[in-house]
Amino acid sequence: MNKTKMVYFEKEDILHLTITDEAEADSLEISPNITAELNEFGELIGIEIIQASSFIRDTILESAQIKLLKQG
């Protein structure tokens, strides 16, 4: 059964992606505002993105700009 779910906390502007419902034993900041959540074996169980709206906007704009530049 797929345990993946995504929750957006609008007030805090946090996007939380849960891959499994295992308990979080550790976390690792993989870039500013992005944290990987790990289980007791060091396996990825979730991702938290702070300032998610800016991150998603910037990521989409960057991807669109790259595609437009490749076409030109």
Protein backbone atom coordinates (compact mmCIF):
# COMPACT_ATOMS: atom_id res chain seq x y z
CA MET A 1 0.00 0.00 0.00
CA ASN A 2 1.28 3.44 -0.92
CA LYS A 3 1.85 5.55 2.22
CA THR A 4 3.02 8.67 0.35
CA LYS A 5 1.14 11.83 1.22
CA MET A 6 1.70 15.53 0.89
CA VAL A 7 0.46 18.20 3.28
CA TYR A 8 0.77 21.96 2.86
CA PHE A 9 0.62 24.18 5.93
CA GLU A 10 -0.46 27.49 4.42
CA LYS A 11 0.03 29.69 7.49
CA GLU A 12 3.64 28.50 7.94
CA ASP A 13 4.28 28.03 4.18
CA ILE A 14 5.64 24.53 4.76
CA LEU A 15 5.22 21.59 2.40
CA HIS A 16 5.66 18.18 3.98
CA LEU A 17 6.01 15.04 1.89
CA THR A 18 5.74 11.76 3.79
CA ILE A 19 6.96 8.64 2.01
CA THR A 20 6.25 6.22 4.84
CA ASP A 21 4.67 6.43 8.27
CA GLU A 22 7.83 5.23 10.03
CA ALA A 23 9.10 7.24 12.98
CA GLU A 24 11.66 9.94 12.25
CA ALA A 25 14.98 9.15 13.92
CA ASP A 26 17.15 11.82 12.31
CA SER A 27 17.08 14.62 9.78
CA LEU A 28 19.54 16.16 7.37
CA GLU A 29 19.43 19.63 5.84
CA ILE A 30 20.05 18.97 2.15
CA SER A 31 19.83 22.61 1.10
CA PRO A 32 18.57 25.83 2.67
CA ASN A 33 14.92 25.34 3.68
CA ILE A 34 14.85 21.66 2.63
CA THR A 35 15.21 18.91 5.21
CA ALA A 36 15.33 15.17 4.58
CA GLU A 37 13.74 13.10 7.33
CA LEU A 38 15.34 9.73 7.99
CA ASN A 39 14.34 6.53 9.79
CA GLU A 40 16.58 4.64 12.23
CA PHE A 41 18.42 3.02 9.29
CA GLY A 42 19.22 6.35 7.62
CA GLU A 43 16.63 5.80 4.89
CA LEU A 44 14.57 8.67 3.53
CA ILE A 45 11.04 8.73 4.95
CA GLY A 46 10.02 12.32 4.27
CA ILE A 47 10.95 15.78 3.05
CA GLU A 48 10.06 19.15 4.54
CA ILE A 49 10.27 22.35 2.49
CA ILE A 50 10.15 25.65 4.36
CA GLN A 51 9.06 28.73 2.35
CA ALA A 52 7.53 26.22 -0.03
CA SER A 53 5.62 28.68 -2.21
CA SER A 54 8.83 30.57 -3.07
CA PHE A 55 10.73 27.33 -3.65
CA ILE A 56 8.10 25.92 -6.02
CA ARG A 57 7.67 29.25 -7.86
CA ASP A 58 11.42 29.67 -8.33
CA THR A 59 11.89 26.04 -9.41
CA ILE A 60 9.12 26.26 -12.02
CA LEU A 61 10.38 29.61 -13.33
CA GLU A 62 13.93 28.28 -13.57
CA SER A 63 12.79 25.18 -15.48
CA ALA A 64 10.69 27.28 -17.86
CA GLN A 65 13.57 29.69 -18.49
CA ILE A 66 15.96 26.83 -19.26
CA LYS A 67 13.49 25.31 -21.77
CA LEU A 68 12.91 28.70 -23.41
CA LEU A 69 16.65 29.33 -23.73
CA LYS A 70 17.17 25.90 -25.31
CA GLN A 71 14.48 26.67 -27.90
CA GLY A 72 15.97 30.05 -28.80
